[in-house]
Amino acid sequence: MTDSAESASAPLSAGDAERLAEIMRALASPVRLRILSVLRIRPSTVTDLGAQLGIGQTTLSNHLRLLRNLSVVRGDRDGRHIHYVLFDDHVADLFDEAMGHLRHLPSNR
C-alpha cells in the first residue's frame, strides 16, 4: 500500500482495495479479534491461546495460518514451540483504533 499521506489524497487502487478487503474480511471474525487481543498484550503459543480463550488448538491453528498468510501475525520459533505475535506496530495501531472507535459507539447495540 501507499504512504498514508499519499493515500489520503488519492482514491484507493483496485489492487490495494482487494488486498485491504481481504485483510478486513480476516479481521471480521470474532475469534480472530480475540486472538489479536491476546497477542496485543503478549506473545503466545497455540496452547496458551487455547487455554486463555477456550478454543481448540486445531481451530486456533487454522485462524493463525490465515492471519500469518496476510501478515497480520507472525510466528517466531523457539525450539518445538511457535510464539505468535502481531506482525508489526501497524497491526497494533489498527486494533487500537478499532477498539477506540468501538468505545465511542452508542451502547444500545
N, C-alpha and C. Protein backbone atom coordinates (compact mmCIF):
# COMPACT_ATOMS: atom_id res chain seq x y z
N MET A 1 0.83 -1.18 0.00
CA MET A 1 0.00 0.00 0.00
C MET A 1 0.87 1.24 0.00
N THR A 2 0.24 2.33 -0.32
CA THR A 2 0.97 3.58 -0.40
C THR A 2 1.07 4.24 0.95
N ASP A 3 1.92 5.22 1.03
CA ASP A 3 2.10 6.03 2.24
C ASP A 3 0.78 6.69 2.61
N SER A 4 0.50 6.84 3.91
CA SER A 4 -0.82 7.32 4.35
C SER A 4 -1.13 8.73 3.87
N ALA A 5 -0.14 9.61 3.78
CA ALA A 5 -0.40 10.96 3.28
C ALA A 5 -0.81 10.89 1.81
N GLU A 6 -0.15 10.03 1.06
CA GLU A 6 -0.47 9.86 -0.34
C GLU A 6 -1.86 9.25 -0.51
N SER A 7 -2.19 8.26 0.32
CA SER A 7 -3.48 7.59 0.18
C SER A 7 -4.64 8.49 0.56
N ALA A 8 -4.42 9.50 1.39
CA ALA A 8 -5.49 10.41 1.78
C ALA A 8 -5.87 11.35 0.64
N SER A 9 -4.98 11.54 -0.32
CA SER A 9 -5.26 12.48 -1.40
C SER A 9 -5.60 11.79 -2.72
N ALA A 10 -5.61 10.46 -2.75
CA ALA A 10 -5.91 9.75 -3.98
C ALA A 10 -6.81 8.55 -3.67
N PRO A 11 -7.68 8.22 -4.63
CA PRO A 11 -8.52 7.04 -4.42
C PRO A 11 -7.66 5.77 -4.32
N LEU A 12 -8.19 4.80 -3.64
CA LEU A 12 -7.53 3.51 -3.49
C LEU A 12 -7.48 2.80 -4.84
N SER A 13 -6.34 2.25 -5.18
CA SER A 13 -6.25 1.49 -6.43
C SER A 13 -7.06 0.20 -6.28
N ALA A 14 -7.42 -0.39 -7.39
CA ALA A 14 -8.19 -1.64 -7.36
C ALA A 14 -7.42 -2.73 -6.64
N GLY A 15 -6.13 -2.82 -6.90
CA GLY A 15 -5.30 -3.84 -6.25
C GLY A 15 -5.21 -3.64 -4.75
N ASP A 16 -5.00 -2.39 -4.32
CA ASP A 16 -4.94 -2.11 -2.88
C ASP A 16 -6.29 -2.35 -2.22
N ALA A 17 -7.38 -2.02 -2.92
CA ALA A 17 -8.71 -2.24 -2.37
C ALA A 17 -8.97 -3.73 -2.17
N GLU A 18 -8.56 -4.56 -3.11
CA GLU A 18 -8.72 -6.01 -2.98
C GLU A 18 -7.92 -6.55 -1.79
N ARG A 19 -6.68 -6.11 -1.68
CA ARG A 19 -5.81 -6.59 -0.59
C ARG A 19 -6.35 -6.12 0.77
N LEU A 20 -6.77 -4.87 0.85
CA LEU A 20 -7.31 -4.34 2.10
C LEU A 20 -8.61 -5.06 2.47
N ALA A 21 -9.45 -5.33 1.48
CA ALA A 21 -10.70 -6.06 1.73
C ALA A 21 -10.41 -7.46 2.27
N GLU A 22 -9.40 -8.10 1.75
CA GLU A 22 -9.02 -9.44 2.22
C GLU A 22 -8.60 -9.39 3.69
N ILE A 23 -7.83 -8.38 4.06
CA ILE A 23 -7.41 -8.22 5.46
C ILE A 23 -8.61 -7.90 6.33
N MET A 24 -9.48 -7.00 5.87
CA MET A 24 -10.65 -6.63 6.65
C MET A 24 -11.59 -7.82 6.85
N ARG A 25 -11.74 -8.65 5.82
CA ARG A 25 -12.56 -9.86 5.98
C ARG A 25 -11.97 -10.77 7.05
N ALA A 26 -10.66 -10.89 7.05
CA ALA A 26 -9.99 -11.73 8.06
C ALA A 26 -10.22 -11.16 9.46
N LEU A 27 -10.23 -9.85 9.58
CA LEU A 27 -10.42 -9.21 10.88
C LEU A 27 -11.88 -9.19 11.31
N ALA A 28 -12.79 -9.56 10.42
CA ALA A 28 -14.22 -9.54 10.74
C ALA A 28 -14.67 -10.77 11.53
N SER A 29 -13.75 -11.60 11.94
CA SER A 29 -14.07 -12.80 12.72
C SER A 29 -13.89 -12.53 14.20
N PRO A 30 -14.93 -12.74 15.02
CA PRO A 30 -14.78 -12.54 16.47
C PRO A 30 -13.65 -13.39 17.07
N VAL A 31 -13.48 -14.61 16.57
CA VAL A 31 -12.40 -15.46 17.09
C VAL A 31 -11.04 -14.83 16.79
N ARG A 32 -10.87 -14.35 15.58
CA ARG A 32 -9.58 -13.74 15.21
C ARG A 32 -9.33 -12.46 15.99
N LEU A 33 -10.37 -11.69 16.23
CA LEU A 33 -10.21 -10.48 17.03
C LEU A 33 -9.81 -10.82 18.47
N ARG A 34 -10.37 -11.89 19.01
CA ARG A 34 -9.99 -12.32 20.35
C ARG A 34 -8.53 -12.77 20.38
N ILE A 35 -8.09 -13.47 19.32
CA ILE A 35 -6.68 -13.87 19.22
C ILE A 35 -5.80 -12.62 19.21
N LEU A 36 -6.15 -11.65 18.39
CA LEU A 36 -5.35 -10.42 18.31
C LEU A 36 -5.33 -9.69 19.64
N SER A 37 -6.44 -9.74 20.38
CA SER A 37 -6.47 -9.05 21.67
C SER A 37 -5.47 -9.65 22.65
N VAL A 38 -5.28 -10.96 22.59
CA VAL A 38 -4.27 -11.60 23.45
C VAL A 38 -2.87 -11.25 22.95
N LEU A 39 -2.67 -11.36 21.64
CA LEU A 39 -1.34 -11.08 21.08
C LEU A 39 -0.96 -9.61 21.22
N ARG A 40 -1.94 -8.74 21.36
CA ARG A 40 -1.68 -7.32 21.59
C ARG A 40 -0.98 -7.13 22.94
N ILE A 41 -1.26 -8.05 23.87
CA ILE A 41 -0.69 -7.96 25.22
C ILE A 41 0.65 -8.69 25.32
N ARG A 42 0.72 -9.90 24.71
CA ARG A 42 1.94 -10.70 24.85
C ARG A 42 2.01 -11.77 23.76
N PRO A 43 3.22 -12.21 23.41
CA PRO A 43 3.36 -13.35 22.51
C PRO A 43 2.76 -14.60 23.16
N SER A 44 2.18 -15.47 22.36
CA SER A 44 1.54 -16.67 22.90
C SER A 44 1.68 -17.84 21.94
N THR A 45 1.74 -19.04 22.51
CA THR A 45 1.70 -20.26 21.72
C THR A 45 0.24 -20.64 21.48
N VAL A 46 0.02 -21.60 20.59
CA VAL A 46 -1.34 -22.09 20.35
C VAL A 46 -1.91 -22.66 21.65
N THR A 47 -1.09 -23.35 22.42
CA THR A 47 -1.54 -23.91 23.70
C THR A 47 -1.98 -22.81 24.65
N ASP A 48 -1.17 -21.75 24.75
CA ASP A 48 -1.51 -20.61 25.62
C ASP A 48 -2.82 -19.96 25.18
N LEU A 49 -2.94 -19.74 23.87
CA LEU A 49 -4.16 -19.11 23.34
C LEU A 49 -5.39 -19.98 23.61
N GLY A 50 -5.24 -21.29 23.42
CA GLY A 50 -6.35 -22.20 23.66
C GLY A 50 -6.82 -22.17 25.10
N ALA A 51 -5.86 -22.16 26.02
CA ALA A 51 -6.21 -22.12 27.44
C ALA A 51 -6.88 -20.80 27.81
N GLN A 52 -6.37 -19.71 27.27
CA GLN A 52 -6.93 -18.40 27.62
C GLN A 52 -8.29 -18.15 26.99
N LEU A 53 -8.46 -18.59 25.74
CA LEU A 53 -9.68 -18.26 25.00
C LEU A 53 -10.71 -19.39 25.01
N GLY A 54 -10.32 -20.58 25.46
CA GLY A 54 -11.25 -21.70 25.45
C GLY A 54 -11.59 -22.17 24.05
N ILE A 55 -10.60 -22.16 23.17
CA ILE A 55 -10.78 -22.54 21.77
C ILE A 55 -9.80 -23.68 21.48
N GLY A 56 -10.25 -24.67 20.71
CA GLY A 56 -9.41 -25.82 20.39
C GLY A 56 -8.19 -25.46 19.56
N GLN A 57 -7.15 -26.26 19.71
CA GLN A 57 -5.89 -25.98 19.02
C GLN A 57 -6.02 -26.05 17.50
N THR A 58 -6.81 -26.97 17.00
CA THR A 58 -6.98 -27.08 15.54
C THR A 58 -7.64 -25.82 14.99
N THR A 59 -8.68 -25.37 15.66
CA THR A 59 -9.37 -24.14 15.24
C THR A 59 -8.42 -22.95 15.29
N LEU A 60 -7.68 -22.84 16.39
CA LEU A 60 -6.73 -21.73 16.52
C LEU A 60 -5.67 -21.78 15.43
N SER A 61 -5.14 -22.97 15.17
CA SER A 61 -4.10 -23.11 14.14
C SER A 61 -4.61 -22.66 12.78
N ASN A 62 -5.86 -22.99 12.46
CA ASN A 62 -6.43 -22.56 11.18
C ASN A 62 -6.56 -21.05 11.11
N HIS A 63 -7.02 -20.43 12.18
CA HIS A 63 -7.15 -18.97 12.20
C HIS A 63 -5.77 -18.32 12.13
N LEU A 64 -4.81 -18.84 12.88
CA LEU A 64 -3.46 -18.27 12.87
C LEU A 64 -2.80 -18.40 11.50
N ARG A 65 -3.05 -19.52 10.80
CA ARG A 65 -2.47 -19.69 9.47
C ARG A 65 -2.97 -18.59 8.54
N LEU A 66 -4.28 -18.33 8.57
CA LEU A 66 -4.84 -17.28 7.73
C LEU A 66 -4.24 -15.91 8.09
N LEU A 67 -4.17 -15.61 9.39
CA LEU A 67 -3.60 -14.33 9.82
C LEU A 67 -2.12 -14.21 9.45
N ARG A 68 -1.40 -15.32 9.51
CA ARG A 68 0.02 -15.32 9.11
C ARG A 68 0.15 -15.06 7.62
N ASN A 69 -0.69 -15.71 6.82
CA ASN A 69 -0.63 -15.54 5.36
C ASN A 69 -0.92 -14.11 4.93
N LEU A 70 -1.67 -13.38 5.75
CA LEU A 70 -2.00 -11.98 5.44
C LEU A 70 -1.06 -11.00 6.13
N SER A 71 -0.01 -11.51 6.79
CA SER A 71 0.96 -10.69 7.52
C SER A 71 0.30 -9.85 8.62
N VAL A 72 -0.67 -10.45 9.29
CA VAL A 72 -1.29 -9.80 10.44
C VAL A 72 -0.58 -10.28 11.71
N VAL A 73 -0.20 -11.54 11.74
CA VAL A 73 0.62 -12.09 12.83
C VAL A 73 1.82 -12.80 12.22
N ARG A 74 2.79 -13.07 13.06
CA ARG A 74 3.91 -13.90 12.64
C ARG A 74 4.22 -14.87 13.77
N GLY A 75 4.84 -15.99 13.40
CA GLY A 75 5.21 -16.98 14.39
C GLY A 75 6.72 -17.05 14.51
N ASP A 76 7.21 -16.89 15.72
CA ASP A 76 8.65 -16.98 15.99
C ASP A 76 8.93 -18.31 16.66
N ARG A 77 9.71 -19.16 15.99
CA ARG A 77 10.00 -20.48 16.50
C ARG A 77 11.03 -20.42 17.62
N ASP A 78 10.75 -21.19 18.68
CA ASP A 78 11.67 -21.33 19.82
C ASP A 78 11.71 -22.82 20.14
N GLY A 79 12.63 -23.53 19.50
CA GLY A 79 12.68 -24.98 19.66
C GLY A 79 11.45 -25.61 19.05
N ARG A 80 10.68 -26.34 19.86
CA ARG A 80 9.47 -27.00 19.37
C ARG A 80 8.25 -26.10 19.42
N HIS A 81 8.37 -24.94 19.99
CA HIS A 81 7.23 -24.04 20.18
C HIS A 81 7.28 -22.87 19.19
N ILE A 82 6.11 -22.43 18.79
CA ILE A 82 6.00 -21.22 17.97
C ILE A 82 5.24 -20.20 18.80
N HIS A 83 5.88 -19.06 19.00
CA HIS A 83 5.26 -17.96 19.74
C HIS A 83 4.71 -16.97 18.72
N TYR A 84 3.41 -16.76 18.75
CA TYR A 84 2.76 -15.85 17.82
C TYR A 84 2.74 -14.44 18.39
N VAL A 85 2.98 -13.48 17.52
CA VAL A 85 2.98 -12.06 17.87
C VAL A 85 2.30 -11.30 16.74
N LEU A 86 1.86 -10.07 17.04
CA LEU A 86 1.35 -9.21 15.97
C LEU A 86 2.49 -8.93 14.99
N PHE A 87 2.17 -8.84 13.72
CA PHE A 87 3.20 -8.71 12.68
C PHE A 87 4.06 -7.47 12.89
N ASP A 88 3.44 -6.34 13.20
CA ASP A 88 4.20 -5.11 13.44
C ASP A 88 3.32 -4.09 14.15
N ASP A 89 3.86 -2.91 14.38
CA ASP A 89 3.12 -1.87 15.10
C ASP A 89 1.88 -1.40 14.35
N HIS A 90 1.88 -1.53 13.02
CA HIS A 90 0.70 -1.11 12.25
C HIS A 90 -0.52 -1.95 12.63
N VAL A 91 -0.32 -3.23 12.86
CA VAL A 91 -1.43 -4.10 13.25
C VAL A 91 -1.93 -3.70 14.64
N ALA A 92 -1.00 -3.43 15.55
CA ALA A 92 -1.39 -2.99 16.90
C ALA A 92 -2.16 -1.67 16.82
N ASP A 93 -1.68 -0.75 15.99
CA ASP A 93 -2.36 0.54 15.83
C ASP A 93 -3.76 0.37 15.26
N LEU A 94 -3.89 -0.50 14.25
CA LEU A 94 -5.20 -0.76 13.65
C LEU A 94 -6.16 -1.33 14.69
N PHE A 95 -5.69 -2.29 15.48
CA PHE A 95 -6.51 -2.88 16.53
C PHE A 95 -6.91 -1.82 17.56
N ASP A 96 -5.95 -1.02 17.99
CA ASP A 96 -6.23 0.02 18.99
C ASP A 96 -7.22 1.06 18.46
N GLU A 97 -7.08 1.45 17.20
CA GLU A 97 -8.02 2.42 16.61
C GLU A 97 -9.43 1.83 16.54
N ALA A 98 -9.53 0.56 16.15
CA ALA A 98 -10.85 -0.08 16.09
C ALA A 98 -11.47 -0.16 17.48
N MET A 99 -10.69 -0.48 18.48
CA MET A 99 -11.19 -0.54 19.85
C MET A 99 -11.60 0.86 20.33
N GLY A 100 -10.83 1.86 19.98
CA GLY A 100 -11.18 3.24 20.33
C GLY A 100 -12.50 3.65 19.71
N HIS A 101 -12.70 3.24 18.45
CA HIS A 101 -13.96 3.54 17.78
C HIS A 101 -15.11 2.82 18.47
N LEU A 102 -14.91 1.57 18.82
CA LEU A 102 -15.95 0.80 19.50
C LEU A 102 -16.38 1.45 20.81
N ARG A 103 -15.43 1.99 21.53
CA ARG A 103 -15.74 2.64 22.82
C ARG A 103 -16.54 3.92 22.63
N HIS A 104 -16.49 4.53 21.44
CA HIS A 104 -17.22 5.76 21.19
C HIS A 104 -18.59 5.54 20.54
N LEU A 105 -18.93 4.30 20.26
CA LEU A 105 -20.23 4.00 19.66
C LEU A 105 -21.31 4.01 20.73
N PRO A 106 -22.54 4.31 20.34
CA PRO A 106 -23.64 4.22 21.32
C PRO A 106 -23.72 2.79 21.85
N SER A 107 -24.06 2.64 23.11
CA SER A 107 -24.05 1.31 23.72
C SER A 107 -25.36 0.56 23.58
N ASN A 108 -26.26 1.01 22.74
CA ASN A 108 -27.57 0.36 22.60
C ASN A 108 -27.57 -0.83 21.67
N ARG A 109 -26.43 -1.29 21.20
CA ARG A 109 -26.36 -2.45 20.30
C ARG A 109 -25.87 -3.66 21.01
